[in-house]
Structures are given as structure tokens and as C-alpha cells.
Amino acid sequence: MKLKLIYLVLAVIGLILPLYQFMKFLMKYGFNLRYMIELVAANYISRFLVLDLILAAMVFLILVVVEGRRVQMKNLWIYFLTTLCIGLSFSLPLFLYFREIKKENLPAD
């Protein structure tokens, strides 16, 4: 299986699985931001995971700018938006998928 296809499959999974859980939360509690924050800060492990994810997302967004410019990708803002609105599990493999496409189309050095 080509790497590009693996990235695309992971992006789809990274879109469906987290949003499914978020939709279940919304159906049960509505958009209750206070309760979401309370759950995120509920214990050391949940805070550990959230802080780890936030730092990983920050590193990813730096990668988007640096690597995206290096391979001359357009519309890099999309990866910022998808990271904030959906999550890193979707935006990271999506970026890698489109980076592979762009690298295939770059002239050989």
C-alpha cells in the first residue's frame, strides 16, 4: 500500500472517530463548554493528555508552515482550521497526504 493511501485512510479515521465521540457528547449534554472543560481538567491523566495534544498540535502547525512553504503547498490555513475545529488526528495525516501529492509533482533536482 502506498504511503499516500495510508495517510488518506488515517485522515478519514481521524475525522470519523473523534467526531463520533464529540457528537455523542453533544447529543447527551448539548454544547456545554463549562462541562467540557470540567471533564478535560478532571484529573492528572486527562490534563496530561490534553497538554500533550496541545503541544503536539503546536509543533505540527510549525511543521505546516515550514514544510508547506518548502514544498510550495498552497492554502496552508486549511490545516490550522482543521486542527482547531476537528483535531490533530485528522489534520496531520491530511497534511501528509497532500504533501505527498505535492512532492510527486515537484520537478526532480
N, C-alpha and C. Protein backbone atom coordinates (compact mmCIF):
# COMPACT_ATOMS: atom_id res chain seq x y z
N MET A 1 0.85 -1.17 0.00
CA MET A 1 0.00 0.00 0.00
C MET A 1 0.90 1.24 0.00
N LYS A 2 0.57 2.18 -0.86
CA LYS A 2 1.37 3.40 -0.94
C LYS A 2 1.15 4.27 0.29
N LEU A 3 2.21 4.97 0.66
CA LEU A 3 2.19 5.85 1.82
C LEU A 3 1.07 6.88 1.70
N LYS A 4 0.86 7.40 0.52
CA LYS A 4 -0.18 8.40 0.29
C LYS A 4 -1.56 7.85 0.67
N LEU A 5 -1.83 6.62 0.29
CA LEU A 5 -3.11 6.00 0.61
C LEU A 5 -3.26 5.76 2.12
N ILE A 6 -2.17 5.37 2.75
CA ILE A 6 -2.19 5.18 4.20
C ILE A 6 -2.55 6.49 4.90
N TYR A 7 -1.94 7.59 4.47
CA TYR A 7 -2.25 8.89 5.05
C TYR A 7 -3.72 9.25 4.85
N LEU A 8 -4.26 8.97 3.68
CA LEU A 8 -5.66 9.29 3.40
C LEU A 8 -6.59 8.46 4.29
N VAL A 9 -6.30 7.17 4.42
CA VAL A 9 -7.12 6.31 5.28
C VAL A 9 -7.05 6.80 6.73
N LEU A 10 -5.86 7.15 7.20
CA LEU A 10 -5.71 7.65 8.57
C LEU A 10 -6.44 8.98 8.77
N ALA A 11 -6.46 9.82 7.74
CA ALA A 11 -7.20 11.09 7.84
C ALA A 11 -8.69 10.82 7.98
N VAL A 12 -9.21 9.89 7.22
CA VAL A 12 -10.64 9.55 7.31
C VAL A 12 -10.96 8.99 8.69
N ILE A 13 -10.13 8.09 9.17
CA ILE A 13 -10.32 7.54 10.52
C ILE A 13 -10.21 8.65 11.57
N GLY A 14 -9.23 9.54 11.39
CA GLY A 14 -9.03 10.66 12.31
C GLY A 14 -10.15 11.68 12.27
N LEU A 15 -10.93 11.66 11.23
CA LEU A 15 -12.11 12.52 11.14
C LEU A 15 -13.31 11.85 11.82
N ILE A 16 -13.53 10.58 11.50
CA ILE A 16 -14.73 9.87 11.96
C ILE A 16 -14.71 9.57 13.45
N LEU A 17 -13.63 8.96 13.94
CA LEU A 17 -13.62 8.51 15.34
C LEU A 17 -13.77 9.64 16.36
N PRO A 18 -12.98 10.70 16.27
CA PRO A 18 -13.16 11.78 17.25
C PRO A 18 -14.52 12.49 17.12
N LEU A 19 -14.96 12.74 15.89
CA LEU A 19 -16.24 13.43 15.72
C LEU A 19 -17.40 12.58 16.20
N TYR A 20 -17.30 11.28 16.08
CA TYR A 20 -18.33 10.39 16.58
C TYR A 20 -18.47 10.55 18.10
N GLN A 21 -17.35 10.58 18.79
CA GLN A 21 -17.38 10.76 20.24
C GLN A 21 -17.90 12.15 20.61
N PHE A 22 -17.50 13.16 19.85
CA PHE A 22 -17.97 14.52 20.12
C PHE A 22 -19.47 14.62 19.89
N MET A 23 -19.96 13.99 18.84
CA MET A 23 -21.40 14.00 18.57
C MET A 23 -22.18 13.31 19.68
N LYS A 24 -21.63 12.22 20.20
CA LYS A 24 -22.29 11.54 21.34
C LYS A 24 -22.37 12.46 22.54
N PHE A 25 -21.29 13.21 22.80
CA PHE A 25 -21.30 14.17 23.90
C PHE A 25 -22.36 15.25 23.66
N LEU A 26 -22.39 15.80 22.43
CA LEU A 26 -23.35 16.85 22.12
C LEU A 26 -24.79 16.37 22.24
N MET A 27 -25.04 15.14 21.82
CA MET A 27 -26.39 14.60 21.91
C MET A 27 -26.83 14.43 23.37
N LYS A 28 -25.89 14.12 24.23
CA LYS A 28 -26.23 13.89 25.64
C LYS A 28 -26.26 15.19 26.45
N TYR A 29 -25.28 16.08 26.22
CA TYR A 29 -25.14 17.27 27.07
C TYR A 29 -25.35 18.59 26.33
N GLY A 30 -25.46 18.56 25.01
CA GLY A 30 -25.52 19.80 24.25
C GLY A 30 -24.14 20.45 24.23
N PHE A 31 -24.07 21.67 23.70
CA PHE A 31 -22.78 22.35 23.66
C PHE A 31 -22.55 23.03 25.00
N ASN A 32 -22.14 22.24 25.95
CA ASN A 32 -21.92 22.70 27.32
C ASN A 32 -20.41 22.88 27.53
N LEU A 33 -19.93 24.05 27.18
CA LEU A 33 -18.49 24.32 27.23
C LEU A 33 -17.95 24.19 28.66
N ARG A 34 -18.69 24.65 29.62
CA ARG A 34 -18.25 24.56 31.01
C ARG A 34 -18.03 23.10 31.42
N TYR A 35 -18.95 22.22 31.05
CA TYR A 35 -18.83 20.82 31.41
C TYR A 35 -17.68 20.16 30.64
N MET A 36 -17.48 20.55 29.37
CA MET A 36 -16.35 20.01 28.60
C MET A 36 -15.03 20.34 29.28
N ILE A 37 -14.87 21.58 29.69
CA ILE A 37 -13.64 21.99 30.36
C ILE A 37 -13.48 21.26 31.69
N GLU A 38 -14.59 21.10 32.39
CA GLU A 38 -14.55 20.37 33.66
C GLU A 38 -14.07 18.93 33.45
N LEU A 39 -14.55 18.29 32.40
CA LEU A 39 -14.13 16.92 32.11
C LEU A 39 -12.66 16.85 31.69
N VAL A 40 -12.24 17.82 30.90
CA VAL A 40 -10.85 17.85 30.44
C VAL A 40 -9.90 18.02 31.62
N ALA A 41 -10.30 18.82 32.60
CA ALA A 41 -9.46 19.10 33.76
C ALA A 41 -9.77 18.18 34.95
N ALA A 42 -10.46 17.09 34.71
CA ALA A 42 -10.97 16.24 35.79
C ALA A 42 -9.87 15.59 36.62
N ASN A 43 -8.75 15.23 36.00
CA ASN A 43 -7.69 14.55 36.76
C ASN A 43 -6.35 14.74 36.07
N TYR A 44 -5.30 14.22 36.69
CA TYR A 44 -3.95 14.39 36.15
C TYR A 44 -3.79 13.76 34.77
N ILE A 45 -4.39 12.61 34.57
CA ILE A 45 -4.23 11.91 33.29
C ILE A 45 -4.91 12.66 32.16
N SER A 46 -6.11 13.14 32.38
CA SER A 46 -6.79 13.88 31.31
C SER A 46 -6.04 15.18 31.01
N ARG A 47 -5.54 15.86 32.04
CA ARG A 47 -4.74 17.08 31.80
C ARG A 47 -3.45 16.75 31.07
N PHE A 48 -2.81 15.64 31.45
CA PHE A 48 -1.60 15.20 30.76
C PHE A 48 -1.87 15.00 29.27
N LEU A 49 -2.95 14.30 28.96
CA LEU A 49 -3.28 14.02 27.55
C LEU A 49 -3.61 15.29 26.78
N VAL A 50 -4.35 16.18 27.40
CA VAL A 50 -4.72 17.43 26.73
C VAL A 50 -3.50 18.30 26.48
N LEU A 51 -2.64 18.43 27.49
CA LEU A 51 -1.43 19.25 27.31
C LEU A 51 -0.50 18.64 26.27
N ASP A 52 -0.37 17.33 26.28
CA ASP A 52 0.44 16.65 25.28
C ASP A 52 -0.11 16.91 23.88
N LEU A 53 -1.41 16.82 23.73
CA LEU A 53 -2.04 17.06 22.43
C LEU A 53 -1.89 18.50 21.98
N ILE A 54 -2.03 19.44 22.90
CA ILE A 54 -1.87 20.85 22.54
C ILE A 54 -0.44 21.13 22.06
N LEU A 55 0.54 20.60 22.77
CA LEU A 55 1.94 20.81 22.36
C LEU A 55 2.23 20.13 21.03
N ALA A 56 1.71 18.93 20.83
CA ALA A 56 1.91 18.23 19.55
C ALA A 56 1.26 19.02 18.41
N ALA A 57 0.10 19.60 18.66
CA ALA A 57 -0.58 20.40 17.64
C ALA A 57 0.23 21.65 17.32
N MET A 58 0.84 22.26 18.33
CA MET A 58 1.67 23.44 18.08
C MET A 58 2.88 23.09 17.21
N VAL A 59 3.52 21.97 17.51
CA VAL A 59 4.66 21.52 16.70
C VAL A 59 4.20 21.24 15.28
N PHE A 60 3.05 20.59 15.15
CA PHE A 60 2.51 20.29 13.82
C PHE A 60 2.27 21.57 13.02
N LEU A 61 1.71 22.60 13.65
CA LEU A 61 1.42 23.83 12.92
C LEU A 61 2.70 24.54 12.48
N ILE A 62 3.76 24.42 13.26
CA ILE A 62 5.06 24.93 12.82
C ILE A 62 5.53 24.14 11.61
N LEU A 63 5.38 22.82 11.67
CA LEU A 63 5.74 21.95 10.53
C LEU A 63 4.96 22.34 9.28
N VAL A 64 3.68 22.64 9.44
CA VAL A 64 2.85 23.02 8.30
C VAL A 64 3.44 24.24 7.60
N VAL A 65 3.82 25.23 8.38
CA VAL A 65 4.37 26.46 7.79
C VAL A 65 5.71 26.18 7.12
N VAL A 66 6.62 25.54 7.83
CA VAL A 66 7.98 25.32 7.32
C VAL A 66 7.97 24.35 6.13
N GLU A 67 7.39 23.18 6.33
CA GLU A 67 7.40 22.17 5.27
C GLU A 67 6.48 22.56 4.12
N GLY A 68 5.33 23.16 4.45
CA GLY A 68 4.41 23.59 3.40
C GLY A 68 5.04 24.60 2.47
N ARG A 69 5.77 25.54 3.03
CA ARG A 69 6.47 26.53 2.18
C ARG A 69 7.61 25.87 1.40
N ARG A 70 8.30 24.93 2.04
CA ARG A 70 9.43 24.28 1.38
C ARG A 70 8.99 23.55 0.11
N VAL A 71 7.86 22.86 0.18
CA VAL A 71 7.39 22.12 -1.00
C VAL A 71 6.34 22.91 -1.78
N GLN A 72 6.18 24.19 -1.44
CA GLN A 72 5.32 25.13 -2.15
C GLN A 72 3.85 24.71 -2.17
N MET A 73 3.36 24.28 -1.01
CA MET A 73 1.95 23.95 -0.88
C MET A 73 1.15 25.24 -0.72
N LYS A 74 -0.08 25.21 -1.20
CA LYS A 74 -0.96 26.37 -1.09
C LYS A 74 -2.02 26.10 -0.03
N ASN A 75 -2.70 27.15 0.39
CA ASN A 75 -3.82 27.06 1.33
C ASN A 75 -3.44 26.38 2.65
N LEU A 76 -2.31 26.75 3.19
CA LEU A 76 -1.86 26.15 4.45
C LEU A 76 -2.79 26.48 5.62
N TRP A 77 -3.57 27.52 5.50
CA TRP A 77 -4.51 27.90 6.54
C TRP A 77 -5.52 26.78 6.82
N ILE A 78 -5.78 25.94 5.83
CA ILE A 78 -6.74 24.84 5.99
C ILE A 78 -6.30 23.91 7.13
N TYR A 79 -5.01 23.66 7.26
CA TYR A 79 -4.52 22.75 8.29
C TYR A 79 -4.62 23.37 9.68
N PHE A 80 -4.51 24.69 9.76
CA PHE A 80 -4.75 25.37 11.03
C PHE A 80 -6.21 25.23 11.42
N LEU A 81 -7.09 25.46 10.45
CA LEU A 81 -8.53 25.39 10.70
C LEU A 81 -8.96 23.97 11.09
N THR A 82 -8.48 22.97 10.35
CA THR A 82 -8.88 21.59 10.67
C THR A 82 -8.31 21.13 12.00
N THR A 83 -7.14 21.63 12.36
CA THR A 83 -6.57 21.28 13.67
C THR A 83 -7.43 21.85 14.78
N LEU A 84 -7.86 23.09 14.64
CA LEU A 84 -8.66 23.73 15.67
C LEU A 84 -10.09 23.21 15.72
N CYS A 85 -10.68 22.90 14.56
CA CYS A 85 -12.09 22.52 14.52
C CYS A 85 -12.34 21.02 14.61
N ILE A 86 -11.41 20.23 14.14
CA ILE A 86 -11.60 18.78 14.15
C ILE A 86 -10.57 18.11 15.04
N GLY A 87 -9.31 18.33 14.75
CA GLY A 87 -8.28 17.77 15.60
C GLY A 87 -7.04 17.35 14.84
N LEU A 88 -6.00 17.11 15.60
CA LEU A 88 -4.72 16.71 15.06
C LEU A 88 -4.80 15.36 14.35
N SER A 89 -5.65 14.47 14.85
CA SER A 89 -5.76 13.13 14.25
C SER A 89 -6.28 13.19 12.83
N PHE A 90 -6.93 14.27 12.45
CA PHE A 90 -7.38 14.47 11.07
C PHE A 90 -6.41 15.34 10.28
N SER A 91 -6.01 16.46 10.86
CA SER A 91 -5.22 17.43 10.10
C SER A 91 -3.80 16.95 9.79
N LEU A 92 -3.19 16.20 10.69
CA LEU A 92 -1.83 15.71 10.43
C LEU A 92 -1.78 14.75 9.25
N PRO A 93 -2.56 13.67 9.23
CA PRO A 93 -2.49 12.80 8.06
C PRO A 93 -3.00 13.47 6.79
N LEU A 94 -3.94 14.42 6.92
CA LEU A 94 -4.41 15.16 5.75
C LEU A 94 -3.28 15.97 5.15
N PHE A 95 -2.53 16.66 6.00
CA PHE A 95 -1.37 17.43 5.53
C PHE A 95 -0.34 16.51 4.87
N LEU A 96 -0.04 15.39 5.51
CA LEU A 96 0.95 14.46 4.94
C LEU A 96 0.48 13.89 3.60
N TYR A 97 -0.82 13.64 3.48
CA TYR A 97 -1.38 13.16 2.21
C TYR A 97 -1.14 14.18 1.10
N PHE A 98 -1.51 15.43 1.35
CA PHE A 98 -1.35 16.46 0.32
C PHE A 98 0.12 16.81 0.09
N ARG A 99 0.94 16.66 1.10
CA ARG A 99 2.38 16.88 0.91
C ARG A 99 2.95 15.82 -0.04
N GLU A 100 2.51 14.57 0.13
CA GLU A 100 2.96 13.51 -0.78
C GLU A 100 2.54 13.80 -2.21
N ILE A 101 1.33 14.26 -2.39
CA ILE A 101 0.86 14.64 -3.74
C ILE A 101 1.73 15.74 -4.31
N LYS A 102 2.00 16.76 -3.50
CA LYS A 102 2.83 17.88 -3.96
C LYS A 102 4.24 17.41 -4.30
N LYS A 103 4.82 16.55 -3.47
CA LYS A 103 6.18 16.06 -3.71
C LYS A 103 6.24 15.25 -5.01
N GLU A 104 5.18 14.51 -5.33
CA GLU A 104 5.14 13.76 -6.58
C GLU A 104 5.19 14.67 -7.80
N ASN A 105 4.63 15.87 -7.64
CA ASN A 105 4.53 16.80 -8.77
C ASN A 105 5.68 17.79 -8.85
N LEU A 106 6.59 17.77 -7.87
CA LEU A 106 7.75 18.66 -7.92
C LEU A 106 8.76 18.15 -8.92
N PRO A 107 9.43 19.05 -9.62
CA PRO A 107 10.48 18.60 -10.55
C PRO A 107 11.64 17.98 -9.78
N ALA A 108 12.23 16.97 -10.35
CA ALA A 108 13.38 16.29 -9.71
C ALA A 108 14.58 17.23 -9.71
N ASP A 109 15.35 17.20 -8.62
CA ASP A 109 16.55 18.07 -8.52
C ASP A 109 17.68 17.55 -9.36
